């Protein structure tokens, strides 16, 4: 990838033209996130939705948050959702007094709703 610096590079297949309106001066991971964020979501079947819903509901402590993160990560969430999931792992679970709780919970909830429309 041109314009990127650093010793570690992640290679992904990219379209022939750059993603529209992405930050060209940003790191490669930001460009990849933009492309991933706009990718269509394929709905899950009902048993997969039970798994995702259960994992999303059970992040009350550090161990539960790590287990939920591992489960949700298996469904290839976009970068923003991965970041939100890891936020809850880093804070030792979902805590209502966390100033970033709402933002991160909404990101995960919206992704789950796209995977499991009711």
C-alpha atoms as a PDB file:
ATOM      1  CA  UNK A   1       0.000   0.000   0.000  1.00  0.00           C
ATOM      2  CA  UNK A   2       1.487   3.318  -0.970  1.00  0.00           C
ATOM      3  CA  UNK A   3       1.808   6.124   1.524  1.00  0.00           C
ATOM      4  CA  UNK A   4       1.884   3.818   4.541  1.00  0.00           C
ATOM      5  CA  UNK A   5       4.832   3.631   6.849  1.00  0.00           C
ATOM      6  CA  UNK A   6       5.768   1.197   9.566  1.00  0.00           C
ATOM      7  CA  UNK A   7       7.382  -2.162   9.802  1.00  0.00           C
ATOM      8  CA  UNK A   8       4.188  -4.223  10.043  1.00  0.00           C
ATOM      9  CA  UNK A   9       1.749  -4.250   7.139  1.00  0.00           C
ATOM     10  CA  UNK A  10      -1.520  -6.115   6.934  1.00  0.00           C
ATOM     11  CA  UNK A  11      -2.359  -7.191   3.414  1.00  0.00           C
ATOM     12  CA  UNK A  12      -5.976  -7.382   2.341  1.00  0.00           C
ATOM     13  CA  UNK A  13      -7.456  -7.624  -1.104  1.00  0.00           C
ATOM     14  CA  UNK A  14      -8.598  -4.193  -2.177  1.00  0.00           C
ATOM     15  CA  UNK A  15     -10.804  -3.005  -5.014  1.00  0.00           C
ATOM     16  CA  UNK A  16      -9.173  -1.622  -8.158  1.00  0.00           C
ATOM     17  CA  UNK A  17     -10.061   1.909  -7.065  1.00  0.00           C
ATOM     18  CA  UNK A  18      -9.693   3.393  -3.581  1.00  0.00           C
ATOM     19  CA  UNK A  19     -12.728   3.504  -1.277  1.00  0.00           C
ATOM     20  CA  UNK A  20     -14.793   6.669  -1.760  1.00  0.00           C
ATOM     21  CA  UNK A  21     -14.189   9.609   0.612  1.00  0.00           C
ATOM     22  CA  UNK A  22     -11.736   7.775   2.824  1.00  0.00           C
ATOM     23  CA  UNK A  23      -9.000   9.591   4.685  1.00  0.00           C
ATOM     24  CA  UNK A  24      -6.091   9.100   2.306  1.00  0.00           C
ATOM     25  CA  UNK A  25      -3.541  10.379   4.797  1.00  0.00           C
ATOM     26  CA  UNK A  26      -4.720   7.989   7.517  1.00  0.00           C
ATOM     27  CA  UNK A  27      -3.060   4.684   8.304  1.00  0.00           C
ATOM     28  CA  UNK A  28      -3.963   1.605   6.290  1.00  0.00           C
ATOM     29  CA  UNK A  29      -6.122   0.244   9.095  1.00  0.00           C
ATOM     30  CA  UNK A  30      -8.395   3.299   8.877  1.00  0.00           C
ATOM     31  CA  UNK A  31      -8.897   2.745   5.169  1.00  0.00           C
ATOM     32  CA  UNK A  32      -9.622  -0.930   5.771  1.00  0.00           C
ATOM     33  CA  UNK A  33     -12.108   0.016   8.505  1.00  0.00           C
ATOM     34  CA  UNK A  34     -13.943   2.336   6.133  1.00  0.00           C
ATOM     35  CA  UNK A  35     -14.244  -0.400   3.557  1.00  0.00           C
ATOM     36  CA  UNK A  36     -15.387  -2.924   6.166  1.00  0.00           C
ATOM     37  CA  UNK A  37     -17.903  -0.555   7.742  1.00  0.00           C
ATOM     38  CA  UNK A  38     -19.782  -0.183   4.456  1.00  0.00           C
ATOM     39  CA  UNK A  39     -19.822  -3.895   3.618  1.00  0.00           C
ATOM     40  CA  UNK A  40     -23.299  -5.422   3.584  1.00  0.00           C
ATOM     41  CA  UNK A  41     -24.214  -7.588   6.557  1.00  0.00           C
ATOM     42  CA  UNK A  42     -25.530 -11.087   5.938  1.00  0.00           C
ATOM     43  CA  UNK A  43     -28.243 -11.940   8.476  1.00  0.00           C
ATOM     44  CA  UNK A  44     -27.594 -14.912  10.749  1.00  0.00           C
ATOM     45  CA  UNK A  45     -29.864 -17.885  11.298  1.00  0.00           C
ATOM     46  CA  UNK A  46     -31.891 -18.120  14.511  1.00  0.00           C
ATOM     47  CA  UNK A  47     -29.418 -20.304  16.432  1.00  0.00           C
ATOM     48  CA  UNK A  48     -26.534 -17.978  15.553  1.00  0.00           C
ATOM     49  CA  UNK A  49     -28.649 -15.024  16.693  1.00  0.00           C
ATOM     50  CA  UNK A  50     -29.239 -16.723  20.039  1.00  0.00           C
ATOM     51  CA  UNK A  51     -25.462 -17.113  20.384  1.00  0.00           C
ATOM     52  CA  UNK A  52     -24.774 -13.468  19.456  1.00  0.00           C
ATOM     53  CA  UNK A  53     -27.580 -12.116  21.657  1.00  0.00           C
ATOM     54  CA  UNK A  54     -26.422 -14.213  24.597  1.00  0.00           C
ATOM     55  CA  UNK A  55     -22.830 -13.076  24.238  1.00  0.00           C
ATOM     56  CA  UNK A  56     -23.889  -9.449  23.902  1.00  0.00           C
ATOM     57  CA  UNK A  57     -25.994  -9.682  27.059  1.00  0.00           C
ATOM     58  CA  UNK A  58     -23.334 -11.304  29.233  1.00  0.00           C
ATOM     59  CA  UNK A  59     -20.454  -8.909  29.787  1.00  0.00           C
ATOM     60  CA  UNK A  60     -20.914  -8.226  33.488  1.00  0.00           C
ATOM     61  CA  UNK A  61     -17.305  -8.822  34.545  1.00  0.00           C
ATOM     62  CA  UNK A  62     -13.847  -9.220  33.023  1.00  0.00           C
ATOM     63  CA  UNK A  63     -14.098 -12.964  32.375  1.00  0.00           C
ATOM     64  CA  UNK A  64     -17.607 -12.721  30.927  1.00  0.00           C
ATOM     65  CA  UNK A  65     -16.556  -9.764  28.754  1.00  0.00           C
ATOM     66  CA  UNK A  66     -13.571 -11.728  27.382  1.00  0.00           C
ATOM     67  CA  UNK A  67     -15.781 -14.759  26.657  1.00  0.00           C
ATOM     68  CA  UNK A  68     -18.376 -12.524  24.964  1.00  0.00           C
ATOM     69  CA  UNK A  69     -15.628 -10.822  22.940  1.00  0.00           C
ATOM     70  CA  UNK A  70     -14.332 -14.181  21.740  1.00  0.00           C
ATOM     71  CA  UNK A  71     -17.843 -15.291  20.760  1.00  0.00           C
ATOM     72  CA  UNK A  72     -18.736 -12.035  18.987  1.00  0.00           C
ATOM     73  CA  UNK A  73     -15.342 -11.929  17.283  1.00  0.00           C
ATOM     74  CA  UNK A  74     -16.198 -15.224  15.594  1.00  0.00           C
ATOM     75  CA  UNK A  75     -18.880 -13.386  13.619  1.00  0.00           C
ATOM     76  CA  UNK A  76     -16.382 -10.955  12.041  1.00  0.00           C
ATOM     77  CA  UNK A  77     -17.596  -7.633  13.404  1.00  0.00           C
ATOM     78  CA  UNK A  78     -16.428  -4.453  11.670  1.00  0.00           C
ATOM     79  CA  UNK A  79     -13.520  -2.530  13.187  1.00  0.00           C
ATOM     80  CA  UNK A  80     -15.705  -0.064  15.108  1.00  0.00           C
ATOM     81  CA  UNK A  81     -17.591  -2.924  16.751  1.00  0.00           C
ATOM     82  CA  UNK A  82     -14.364  -4.788  17.533  1.00  0.00           C
ATOM     83  CA  UNK A  83     -13.132  -1.635  19.225  1.00  0.00           C
ATOM     84  CA  UNK A  84     -16.332  -1.397  21.280  1.00  0.00           C
ATOM     85  CA  UNK A  85     -16.118  -5.064  22.259  1.00  0.00           C
ATOM     86  CA  UNK A  86     -12.507  -4.643  23.356  1.00  0.00           C
ATOM     87  CA  UNK A  87     -13.468  -1.502  25.278  1.00  0.00           C
ATOM     88  CA  UNK A  88     -15.700  -3.612  27.518  1.00  0.00           C
ATOM     89  CA  UNK A  89     -12.969  -6.220  27.951  1.00  0.00           C
ATOM     90  CA  UNK A  90     -10.574  -3.447  28.967  1.00  0.00           C
ATOM     91  CA  UNK A  91     -12.995  -1.979  31.504  1.00  0.00           C
ATOM     92  CA  UNK A  92     -13.646  -5.359  33.096  1.00  0.00           C
ATOM     93  CA  UNK A  93     -17.146  -5.679  31.692  1.00  0.00           C
ATOM     94  CA  UNK A  94     -20.038  -3.389  30.878  1.00  0.00           C
ATOM     95  CA  UNK A  95     -20.554  -0.811  33.613  1.00  0.00           C
ATOM     96  CA  UNK A  96     -23.334   1.769  33.454  1.00  0.00           C
ATOM     97  CA  UNK A  97     -21.112   4.387  35.095  1.00  0.00           C
ATOM     98  CA  UNK A  98     -18.546   4.068  32.272  1.00  0.00           C
ATOM     99  CA  UNK A  99     -18.617   7.390  30.368  1.00  0.00           C
ATOM    100  CA  UNK A 100     -18.182   5.485  27.078  1.00  0.00           C
ATOM    101  CA  UNK A 101     -20.773   2.824  27.881  1.00  0.00           C
ATOM    102  CA  UNK A 102     -23.585   4.217  25.715  1.00  0.00           C
ATOM    103  CA  UNK A 103     -21.431   4.835  22.632  1.00  0.00           C
ATOM    104  CA  UNK A 104     -19.892   1.361  22.735  1.00  0.00           C
ATOM    105  CA  UNK A 105     -23.108  -0.434  23.647  1.00  0.00           C
ATOM    106  CA  UNK A 106     -24.932   1.279  20.753  1.00  0.00           C
ATOM    107  CA  UNK A 107     -22.233   0.249  18.264  1.00  0.00           C
ATOM    108  CA  UNK A 108     -22.539  -3.389  19.315  1.00  0.00           C
ATOM    109  CA  UNK A 109     -26.339  -3.277  19.560  1.00  0.00           C
ATOM    110  CA  UNK A 110     -26.694  -1.769  16.063  1.00  0.00           C
ATOM    111  CA  UNK A 111     -24.400  -4.426  14.585  1.00  0.00           C
ATOM    112  CA  UNK A 112     -26.320  -7.222  16.321  1.00  0.00           C
ATOM    113  CA  UNK A 113     -29.620  -5.742  15.070  1.00  0.00           C
ATOM    114  CA  UNK A 114     -28.264  -5.790  11.505  1.00  0.00           C
ATOM    115  CA  UNK A 115     -27.195  -9.428  11.902  1.00  0.00           C
ATOM    116  CA  UNK A 116     -30.427 -10.510  13.561  1.00  0.00           C
ATOM    117  CA  UNK A 117     -33.317  -8.423  12.261  1.00  0.00           C
ATOM    118  CA  UNK A 118     -36.528  -9.317  14.025  1.00  0.00           C
END
